């Protein structure tokens, strides 16, 4: 699922 974060860097903020 790391690909999702790479494609959506903003999503990383949501997960964090």
N, C-alpha and C. Protein backbone atom coordinates (compact mmCIF):
# COMPACT_ATOMS: atom_id res chain seq x y z
N UNK A 1 0.84 -1.21 0.00
CA UNK A 1 0.00 0.00 0.00
C UNK A 1 0.87 1.25 0.00
N UNK A 2 2.15 1.06 -0.02
CA UNK A 2 3.05 2.23 -0.04
C UNK A 2 2.85 3.02 -1.33
N UNK A 3 2.41 2.33 -2.38
CA UNK A 3 2.21 3.03 -3.66
C UNK A 3 1.15 4.12 -3.51
N UNK A 4 0.16 3.87 -2.71
CA UNK A 4 -0.91 4.88 -2.53
C UNK A 4 -0.30 6.16 -1.95
N UNK A 5 0.57 6.02 -1.00
CA UNK A 5 1.18 7.21 -0.38
C UNK A 5 2.06 7.92 -1.41
N UNK A 6 2.73 7.15 -2.22
CA UNK A 6 3.60 7.78 -3.24
C UNK A 6 2.74 8.54 -4.25
N UNK A 7 1.60 7.98 -4.60
CA UNK A 7 0.72 8.65 -5.59
C UNK A 7 -0.06 9.77 -4.89
N UNK A 8 -0.28 9.64 -3.60
CA UNK A 8 -1.06 10.67 -2.87
C UNK A 8 -0.30 11.09 -1.61
N UNK A 9 0.66 11.95 -1.77
CA UNK A 9 1.44 12.41 -0.60
C UNK A 9 0.52 13.05 0.44
N UNK A 10 -0.55 13.65 -0.01
CA UNK A 10 -1.48 14.28 0.95
C UNK A 10 -2.14 13.21 1.82
N UNK A 11 -2.32 12.04 1.26
CA UNK A 11 -2.95 10.96 2.04
C UNK A 11 -2.09 10.62 3.25
N UNK A 12 -0.81 10.80 3.10
CA UNK A 12 0.09 10.48 4.22
C UNK A 12 -0.29 11.32 5.45
N UNK A 13 -0.68 12.55 5.22
CA UNK A 13 -1.08 13.41 6.35
C UNK A 13 -2.32 12.83 7.01
N UNK A 14 -3.22 12.31 6.20
CA UNK A 14 -4.46 11.74 6.77
C UNK A 14 -4.13 10.52 7.61
N UNK A 15 -3.21 9.71 7.14
CA UNK A 15 -2.86 8.49 7.91
C UNK A 15 -2.14 8.91 9.20
N UNK A 16 -1.31 9.91 9.07
CA UNK A 16 -0.57 10.36 10.26
C UNK A 16 -1.59 11.01 11.18
